[in-house]
Amino acid sequence: MLTIGKLGNAAGVKVPTIRYYEQIGLLPEPVRSTGNQRLYPRAALDRLAFVRHARELGFPLDAIRDLLSLSDRPDQSCAAADAIAKSQLVATRARITRLRALEAELERMLEQCACGTISDCRVIEVLGDHALCAHEHREAYIL
C-alpha cells in the first residue's frame, strides 16, 4: 500500500492532482488507515500512470474516463478505444494545423518589423488589429 505522497512520487503526479482525479472519479476512493491517511494499492499506481500518459498525449478527461471504463472490461472489442484514439488524432492534427498558421503569422510579423521604435513596430500593429494577419489562427491558443 502506498500513501498519497509515495503514489504521487512513483507516478510523477502532484498530490492535488491525485485528489482531483479521485474527486472526478478517475481514481477510486482509497482505503484509509486508522490515522485517516489515504492508502493506495499497486493498481492505483497503474491507473494513475495510465491517466498521466493519456493526459500527456492530450486526451481530454472524458475520453480518459471512457478509456478507463473500456480497460476495466478487457474481453470486449477494442473498436471503441480505437475510435477514441482516432478522434484524438484528428483533434491533434487540427491543433497542429492551427499552430503552423500561428507560427507562420509570428514569423511574418517579425520579418516585417523594422526594429525601430514602438510607434513603428509591426508586432504591436498586428497584435492590435487582427485584420492585418495573413492567416486565420484564432483558436491556435486553445489547447
N, C-alpha and C. Protein backbone atom coordinates (compact mmCIF):
# COMPACT_ATOMS: atom_id res chain seq x y z
N MET A 1 0.85 -1.19 0.00
CA MET A 1 0.00 0.00 0.00
C MET A 1 0.89 1.25 0.00
N LEU A 2 0.45 2.23 -0.75
CA LEU A 2 1.19 3.47 -0.90
C LEU A 2 0.41 4.64 -0.30
N THR A 3 1.13 5.54 0.34
CA THR A 3 0.49 6.79 0.78
C THR A 3 0.33 7.68 -0.44
N ILE A 4 -0.43 8.73 -0.29
CA ILE A 4 -0.67 9.62 -1.43
C ILE A 4 0.63 10.26 -1.92
N GLY A 5 1.52 10.60 -1.01
CA GLY A 5 2.80 11.19 -1.39
C GLY A 5 3.67 10.22 -2.17
N LYS A 6 3.72 8.97 -1.70
CA LYS A 6 4.52 7.95 -2.40
C LYS A 6 3.90 7.61 -3.74
N LEU A 7 2.58 7.58 -3.80
CA LEU A 7 1.90 7.33 -5.06
C LEU A 7 2.22 8.45 -6.06
N GLY A 8 2.14 9.68 -5.60
CA GLY A 8 2.45 10.82 -6.46
C GLY A 8 3.88 10.78 -6.96
N ASN A 9 4.82 10.50 -6.07
CA ASN A 9 6.22 10.41 -6.48
C ASN A 9 6.44 9.29 -7.49
N ALA A 10 5.84 8.14 -7.23
CA ALA A 10 6.01 6.99 -8.12
C ALA A 10 5.43 7.25 -9.51
N ALA A 11 4.34 8.00 -9.57
CA ALA A 11 3.67 8.26 -10.85
C ALA A 11 4.10 9.59 -11.48
N GLY A 12 4.82 10.41 -10.73
CA GLY A 12 5.20 11.71 -11.25
C GLY A 12 4.04 12.68 -11.32
N VAL A 13 3.13 12.57 -10.35
CA VAL A 13 1.92 13.40 -10.31
C VAL A 13 1.85 14.07 -8.94
N LYS A 14 1.43 15.32 -8.91
CA LYS A 14 1.32 16.04 -7.64
C LYS A 14 0.11 15.57 -6.85
N VAL A 15 0.22 15.69 -5.54
CA VAL A 15 -0.84 15.25 -4.63
C VAL A 15 -2.19 15.91 -4.94
N PRO A 16 -2.25 17.24 -5.19
CA PRO A 16 -3.56 17.83 -5.51
C PRO A 16 -4.19 17.22 -6.78
N THR A 17 -3.36 16.82 -7.72
CA THR A 17 -3.87 16.18 -8.94
C THR A 17 -4.50 14.84 -8.61
N ILE A 18 -3.86 14.08 -7.74
CA ILE A 18 -4.41 12.79 -7.32
C ILE A 18 -5.77 13.00 -6.65
N ARG A 19 -5.83 13.96 -5.76
CA ARG A 19 -7.11 14.25 -5.09
C ARG A 19 -8.18 14.66 -6.11
N TYR A 20 -7.79 15.46 -7.10
CA TYR A 20 -8.74 15.88 -8.13
C TYR A 20 -9.23 14.67 -8.92
N TYR A 21 -8.32 13.79 -9.32
CA TYR A 21 -8.72 12.60 -10.07
C TYR A 21 -9.65 11.71 -9.26
N GLU A 22 -9.45 11.67 -7.96
CA GLU A 22 -10.39 10.93 -7.10
C GLU A 22 -11.75 11.61 -7.12
N GLN A 23 -11.73 12.92 -6.99
CA GLN A 23 -12.97 13.70 -6.92
C GLN A 23 -13.81 13.52 -8.18
N ILE A 24 -13.17 13.46 -9.35
CA ILE A 24 -13.93 13.34 -10.60
C ILE A 24 -14.11 11.89 -11.04
N GLY A 25 -13.65 10.96 -10.23
CA GLY A 25 -13.92 9.56 -10.48
C GLY A 25 -12.94 8.82 -11.38
N LEU A 26 -11.80 9.42 -11.70
CA LEU A 26 -10.80 8.71 -12.50
C LEU A 26 -10.02 7.71 -11.65
N LEU A 27 -9.89 8.01 -10.38
CA LEU A 27 -9.27 7.10 -9.42
C LEU A 27 -10.31 6.75 -8.36
N PRO A 28 -10.34 5.49 -7.95
CA PRO A 28 -11.30 5.12 -6.90
C PRO A 28 -10.88 5.69 -5.55
N GLU A 29 -11.85 5.84 -4.69
CA GLU A 29 -11.56 6.28 -3.33
C GLU A 29 -10.63 5.28 -2.66
N PRO A 30 -9.56 5.73 -2.04
CA PRO A 30 -8.64 4.80 -1.39
C PRO A 30 -9.17 4.37 -0.01
N VAL A 31 -8.62 3.30 0.47
CA VAL A 31 -8.91 2.93 1.85
C VAL A 31 -8.16 3.90 2.75
N ARG A 32 -8.58 3.96 3.99
CA ARG A 32 -7.94 4.88 4.95
C ARG A 32 -7.31 4.07 6.08
N SER A 33 -6.18 4.57 6.55
CA SER A 33 -5.53 3.95 7.70
C SER A 33 -6.28 4.35 8.96
N THR A 34 -5.89 3.78 10.08
CA THR A 34 -6.53 4.16 11.34
C THR A 34 -6.27 5.63 11.66
N GLY A 35 -5.20 6.17 11.09
CA GLY A 35 -4.90 7.60 11.25
C GLY A 35 -5.52 8.45 10.16
N ASN A 36 -6.43 7.88 9.37
CA ASN A 36 -7.16 8.56 8.29
C ASN A 36 -6.28 8.94 7.10
N GLN A 37 -5.16 8.25 6.96
CA GLN A 37 -4.27 8.50 5.83
C GLN A 37 -4.72 7.65 4.64
N ARG A 38 -4.72 8.26 3.46
CA ARG A 38 -5.07 7.52 2.25
C ARG A 38 -4.02 6.44 1.98
N LEU A 39 -4.50 5.24 1.63
CA LEU A 39 -3.61 4.14 1.28
C LEU A 39 -4.06 3.54 -0.04
N TYR A 40 -3.12 3.45 -0.97
CA TYR A 40 -3.42 3.03 -2.34
C TYR A 40 -2.76 1.69 -2.66
N PRO A 41 -3.49 0.83 -3.35
CA PRO A 41 -2.89 -0.42 -3.82
C PRO A 41 -2.07 -0.17 -5.09
N ARG A 42 -1.31 -1.17 -5.51
CA ARG A 42 -0.50 -1.08 -6.73
C ARG A 42 -1.38 -0.74 -7.94
N ALA A 43 -2.60 -1.24 -7.98
CA ALA A 43 -3.50 -0.98 -9.10
C ALA A 43 -3.76 0.52 -9.27
N ALA A 44 -3.76 1.27 -8.18
CA ALA A 44 -3.97 2.72 -8.27
C ALA A 44 -2.80 3.38 -8.98
N LEU A 45 -1.59 2.88 -8.74
CA LEU A 45 -0.42 3.41 -9.43
C LEU A 45 -0.51 3.14 -10.93
N ASP A 46 -0.92 1.94 -11.28
CA ASP A 46 -1.08 1.60 -12.70
C ASP A 46 -2.12 2.50 -13.36
N ARG A 47 -3.23 2.70 -12.67
CA ARG A 47 -4.32 3.53 -13.21
C ARG A 47 -3.87 4.99 -13.33
N LEU A 48 -3.18 5.47 -12.33
CA LEU A 48 -2.69 6.85 -12.35
C LEU A 48 -1.66 7.04 -13.47
N ALA A 49 -0.80 6.06 -13.69
CA ALA A 49 0.17 6.13 -14.78
C ALA A 49 -0.55 6.17 -16.13
N PHE A 50 -1.63 5.40 -16.25
CA PHE A 50 -2.45 5.40 -17.47
C PHE A 50 -3.02 6.79 -17.70
N VAL A 51 -3.59 7.38 -16.67
CA VAL A 51 -4.21 8.71 -16.78
C VAL A 51 -3.14 9.74 -17.16
N ARG A 52 -2.00 9.68 -16.49
CA ARG A 52 -0.94 10.65 -16.76
C ARG A 52 -0.47 10.54 -18.22
N HIS A 53 -0.25 9.33 -18.68
CA HIS A 53 0.21 9.14 -20.05
C HIS A 53 -0.84 9.62 -21.05
N ALA A 54 -2.10 9.31 -20.79
CA ALA A 54 -3.18 9.77 -21.66
C ALA A 54 -3.24 11.30 -21.69
N ARG A 55 -3.06 11.94 -20.55
CA ARG A 55 -3.05 13.41 -20.48
C ARG A 55 -1.87 13.96 -21.27
N GLU A 56 -0.70 13.31 -21.17
CA GLU A 56 0.47 13.76 -21.92
C GLU A 56 0.21 13.68 -23.42
N LEU A 57 -0.61 12.73 -23.84
CA LEU A 57 -0.97 12.59 -25.25
C LEU A 57 -2.13 13.50 -25.65
N GLY A 58 -2.61 14.29 -24.70
CA GLY A 58 -3.62 15.30 -24.99
C GLY A 58 -5.05 14.84 -24.89
N PHE A 59 -5.29 13.62 -24.42
CA PHE A 59 -6.67 13.15 -24.31
C PHE A 59 -7.42 13.99 -23.28
N PRO A 60 -8.64 14.39 -23.59
CA PRO A 60 -9.46 15.09 -22.59
C PRO A 60 -9.91 14.12 -21.50
N LEU A 61 -10.27 14.65 -20.37
CA LEU A 61 -10.64 13.82 -19.21
C LEU A 61 -11.81 12.89 -19.52
N ASP A 62 -12.79 13.36 -20.27
CA ASP A 62 -13.94 12.49 -20.60
C ASP A 62 -13.49 11.29 -21.43
N ALA A 63 -12.58 11.51 -22.36
CA ALA A 63 -12.08 10.39 -23.17
C ALA A 63 -11.28 9.42 -22.30
N ILE A 64 -10.53 9.96 -21.36
CA ILE A 64 -9.76 9.10 -20.45
C ILE A 64 -10.71 8.27 -19.59
N ARG A 65 -11.77 8.89 -19.14
CA ARG A 65 -12.77 8.16 -18.35
C ARG A 65 -13.34 7.01 -19.17
N ASP A 66 -13.65 7.27 -20.43
CA ASP A 66 -14.18 6.23 -21.31
C ASP A 66 -13.14 5.13 -21.54
N LEU A 67 -11.90 5.51 -21.75
CA LEU A 67 -10.83 4.52 -21.96
C LEU A 67 -10.62 3.66 -20.72
N LEU A 68 -10.67 4.29 -19.57
CA LEU A 68 -10.53 3.52 -18.32
C LEU A 68 -11.68 2.54 -18.17
N SER A 69 -12.87 2.98 -18.51
CA SER A 69 -14.04 2.10 -18.44
C SER A 69 -13.85 0.91 -19.38
N LEU A 70 -13.33 1.18 -20.56
CA LEU A 70 -13.07 0.10 -21.51
C LEU A 70 -11.98 -0.84 -20.98
N SER A 71 -10.96 -0.28 -20.38
CA SER A 71 -9.86 -1.12 -19.88
C SER A 71 -10.30 -2.00 -18.71
N ASP A 72 -11.37 -1.62 -18.05
CA ASP A 72 -11.92 -2.43 -16.96
C ASP A 72 -12.66 -3.66 -17.49
N ARG A 73 -12.90 -3.71 -18.81
CA ARG A 73 -13.58 -4.84 -19.45
C ARG A 73 -12.71 -5.38 -20.58
N PRO A 74 -11.63 -6.09 -20.25
CA PRO A 74 -10.62 -6.48 -21.24
C PRO A 74 -11.07 -7.48 -22.29
N ASP A 75 -12.20 -8.13 -22.12
CA ASP A 75 -12.64 -9.15 -23.07
C ASP A 75 -13.45 -8.61 -24.24
N GLN A 76 -13.74 -7.31 -24.25
CA GLN A 76 -14.55 -6.75 -25.33
C GLN A 76 -13.67 -6.25 -26.48
N SER A 77 -14.29 -5.94 -27.59
CA SER A 77 -13.60 -5.42 -28.77
C SER A 77 -12.93 -4.08 -28.44
N CYS A 78 -11.83 -3.83 -29.12
CA CYS A 78 -11.14 -2.56 -28.89
C CYS A 78 -11.59 -1.47 -29.87
N ALA A 79 -12.67 -1.70 -30.59
CA ALA A 79 -13.15 -0.73 -31.58
C ALA A 79 -13.47 0.62 -30.93
N ALA A 80 -14.04 0.61 -29.75
CA ALA A 80 -14.38 1.88 -29.08
C ALA A 80 -13.11 2.63 -28.69
N ALA A 81 -12.11 1.91 -28.20
CA ALA A 81 -10.83 2.55 -27.85
C ALA A 81 -10.17 3.12 -29.10
N ASP A 82 -10.22 2.37 -30.19
CA ASP A 82 -9.66 2.86 -31.45
C ASP A 82 -10.37 4.14 -31.90
N ALA A 83 -11.67 4.18 -31.76
CA ALA A 83 -12.45 5.35 -32.17
C ALA A 83 -12.06 6.57 -31.33
N ILE A 84 -11.85 6.36 -30.05
CA ILE A 84 -11.44 7.47 -29.17
C ILE A 84 -10.06 7.97 -29.58
N ALA A 85 -9.15 7.04 -29.85
CA ALA A 85 -7.79 7.43 -30.25
C ALA A 85 -7.81 8.13 -31.61
N LYS A 86 -8.63 7.66 -32.53
CA LYS A 86 -8.74 8.31 -33.85
C LYS A 86 -9.27 9.73 -33.70
N SER A 87 -10.24 9.91 -32.84
CA SER A 87 -10.78 11.24 -32.59
C SER A 87 -9.70 12.16 -32.02
N GLN A 88 -8.89 11.64 -31.13
CA GLN A 88 -7.79 12.42 -30.56
C GLN A 88 -6.76 12.77 -31.64
N LEU A 89 -6.50 11.84 -32.53
CA LEU A 89 -5.56 12.10 -33.63
C LEU A 89 -6.08 13.21 -34.53
N VAL A 90 -7.36 13.19 -34.85
CA VAL A 90 -7.96 14.24 -35.68
C VAL A 90 -7.84 15.59 -34.97
N ALA A 91 -8.14 15.63 -33.69
CA ALA A 91 -8.04 16.88 -32.92
C ALA A 91 -6.60 17.37 -32.86
N THR A 92 -5.67 16.45 -32.71
CA THR A 92 -4.25 16.81 -32.65
C THR A 92 -3.79 17.38 -33.98
N ARG A 93 -4.19 16.74 -35.06
CA ARG A 93 -3.81 17.26 -36.38
C ARG A 93 -4.40 18.65 -36.62
N ALA A 94 -5.62 18.88 -36.17
CA ALA A 94 -6.23 20.20 -36.31
C ALA A 94 -5.46 21.25 -35.51
N ARG A 95 -5.04 20.87 -34.29
CA ARG A 95 -4.24 21.81 -33.48
C ARG A 95 -2.91 22.10 -34.15
N ILE A 96 -2.29 21.08 -34.73
CA ILE A 96 -1.01 21.27 -35.42
C ILE A 96 -1.19 22.23 -36.59
N THR A 97 -2.26 22.07 -37.34
CA THR A 97 -2.54 22.97 -38.46
C THR A 97 -2.68 24.40 -37.98
N ARG A 98 -3.45 24.59 -36.90
CA ARG A 98 -3.63 25.94 -36.35
C ARG A 98 -2.30 26.49 -35.82
N LEU A 99 -1.51 25.65 -35.19
CA LEU A 99 -0.23 26.11 -34.66
C LEU A 99 0.75 26.47 -35.77
N ARG A 100 0.70 25.74 -36.88
CA ARG A 100 1.56 26.09 -38.02
C ARG A 100 1.16 27.45 -38.59
N ALA A 101 -0.14 27.71 -38.66
CA ALA A 101 -0.60 29.02 -39.13
C ALA A 101 -0.15 30.10 -38.16
N LEU A 102 -0.21 29.82 -36.89
CA LEU A 102 0.25 30.77 -35.88
C LEU A 102 1.74 31.01 -36.02
N GLU A 103 2.50 29.96 -36.22
CA GLU A 103 3.95 30.08 -36.40
C GLU A 103 4.26 30.96 -37.61
N ALA A 104 3.58 30.71 -38.71
CA ALA A 104 3.80 31.49 -39.93
C ALA A 104 3.46 32.96 -39.70
N GLU A 105 2.39 33.22 -38.98
CA GLU A 105 1.99 34.60 -38.71
C GLU A 105 3.02 35.31 -37.83
N LEU A 106 3.51 34.62 -36.83
CA LEU A 106 4.53 35.22 -35.96
C LEU A 106 5.81 35.50 -36.73
N GLU A 107 6.20 34.56 -37.59
CA GLU A 107 7.40 34.78 -38.42
C GLU A 107 7.21 35.99 -39.34
N ARG A 108 6.02 36.09 -39.93
CA ARG A 108 5.72 37.21 -40.83
C ARG A 108 5.77 38.53 -40.08
N MET A 109 5.20 38.57 -38.89
CA MET A 109 5.22 39.79 -38.08
C MET A 109 6.65 40.22 -37.80
N LEU A 110 7.48 39.26 -37.40
CA LEU A 110 8.86 39.58 -37.05
C LEU A 110 9.67 40.00 -38.27
N GLU A 111 9.43 39.35 -39.39
CA GLU A 111 10.15 39.70 -40.62
C GLU A 111 9.80 41.11 -41.09
N GLN A 112 8.56 41.54 -40.87
CA GLN A 112 8.12 42.85 -41.31
C GLN A 112 8.47 43.97 -40.34
N CYS A 113 8.94 43.60 -39.17
CA CYS A 113 9.28 44.61 -38.18
C CYS A 113 10.63 45.24 -38.53
N ALA A 114 10.68 46.56 -38.53
CA ALA A 114 11.91 47.28 -38.88
C ALA A 114 12.83 47.44 -37.68
N CYS A 115 12.39 46.97 -36.53
CA CYS A 115 13.19 47.08 -35.29
C CYS A 115 13.53 48.53 -34.97
N GLY A 116 12.57 49.41 -35.23
CA GLY A 116 12.76 50.82 -34.92
C GLY A 116 12.17 51.13 -33.56
N THR A 117 11.20 52.02 -33.54
CA THR A 117 10.55 52.40 -32.29
C THR A 117 9.20 51.70 -32.19
N ILE A 118 8.66 51.72 -31.02
CA ILE A 118 7.35 51.08 -30.79
C ILE A 118 6.28 51.71 -31.68
N SER A 119 6.38 53.00 -31.95
CA SER A 119 5.37 53.64 -32.79
C SER A 119 5.35 53.08 -34.21
N ASP A 120 6.44 52.47 -34.63
CA ASP A 120 6.52 51.85 -35.96
C ASP A 120 6.60 50.33 -35.90
N CYS A 121 6.37 49.77 -34.76
CA CYS A 121 6.58 48.33 -34.56
C CYS A 121 5.46 47.52 -35.22
N ARG A 122 5.83 46.67 -36.15
CA ARG A 122 4.86 45.83 -36.85
C ARG A 122 4.22 44.82 -35.90
N VAL A 123 4.97 44.31 -34.94
CA VAL A 123 4.43 43.34 -33.97
C VAL A 123 3.27 43.98 -33.21
N ILE A 124 3.50 45.17 -32.69
CA ILE A 124 2.46 45.88 -31.93
C ILE A 124 1.27 46.19 -32.84
N GLU A 125 1.55 46.61 -34.06
CA GLU A 125 0.49 46.96 -35.00
C GLU A 125 -0.40 45.75 -35.33
N VAL A 126 0.21 44.62 -35.63
CA VAL A 126 -0.55 43.42 -35.99
C VAL A 126 -1.32 42.88 -34.79
N LEU A 127 -0.69 42.89 -33.63
CA LEU A 127 -1.40 42.42 -32.44
C LEU A 127 -2.60 43.30 -32.12
N GLY A 128 -2.55 44.53 -32.50
CA GLY A 128 -3.65 45.46 -32.25
C GLY A 128 -4.77 45.37 -33.27
N ASP A 129 -4.51 44.72 -34.42
CA ASP A 129 -5.52 44.64 -35.47
C ASP A 129 -5.44 43.28 -36.16
N HIS A 130 -6.31 42.38 -35.78
CA HIS A 130 -6.30 41.02 -36.32
C HIS A 130 -6.48 41.00 -37.84
N ALA A 131 -7.11 42.02 -38.39
CA ALA A 131 -7.32 42.07 -39.84
C ALA A 131 -6.00 42.14 -40.61
N LEU A 132 -4.92 42.55 -39.95
CA LEU A 132 -3.61 42.62 -40.60
C LEU A 132 -2.92 41.26 -40.70
N CYS A 133 -3.49 40.26 -40.06
CA CYS A 133 -2.90 38.92 -40.10
C CYS A 133 -3.16 38.28 -41.46
N ALA A 134 -2.22 37.50 -41.90
CA ALA A 134 -2.35 36.80 -43.18
C ALA A 134 -3.02 35.44 -43.02
N HIS A 135 -3.04 34.92 -41.82
CA HIS A 135 -3.57 33.57 -41.57
C HIS A 135 -4.64 33.61 -40.48
N GLU A 136 -5.58 32.69 -40.57
CA GLU A 136 -6.58 32.54 -39.50
C GLU A 136 -5.97 31.65 -38.43
N HIS A 137 -5.97 32.13 -37.22
CA HIS A 137 -5.35 31.38 -36.12
C HIS A 137 -6.05 31.64 -34.79
N ARG A 138 -7.25 32.11 -34.81
CA ARG A 138 -7.95 32.50 -33.59
C ARG A 138 -8.02 31.40 -32.55
N GLU A 139 -8.09 30.13 -32.95
CA GLU A 139 -8.21 29.06 -31.98
C GLU A 139 -6.88 28.37 -31.69
N ALA A 140 -5.78 28.84 -32.22
CA ALA A 140 -4.49 28.19 -32.06
C ALA A 140 -4.04 28.15 -30.60
N TYR A 141 -4.45 29.12 -29.83
CA TYR A 141 -4.02 29.16 -28.44
C TYR A 141 -4.86 28.27 -27.54
N ILE A 142 -5.94 27.75 -28.03
CA ILE A 142 -6.80 26.89 -27.23
C ILE A 142 -6.30 25.45 -27.36
N LEU A 143 -5.60 25.00 -26.38
CA LEU A 143 -5.07 23.64 -26.39
C LEU A 143 -5.71 22.93 -25.27
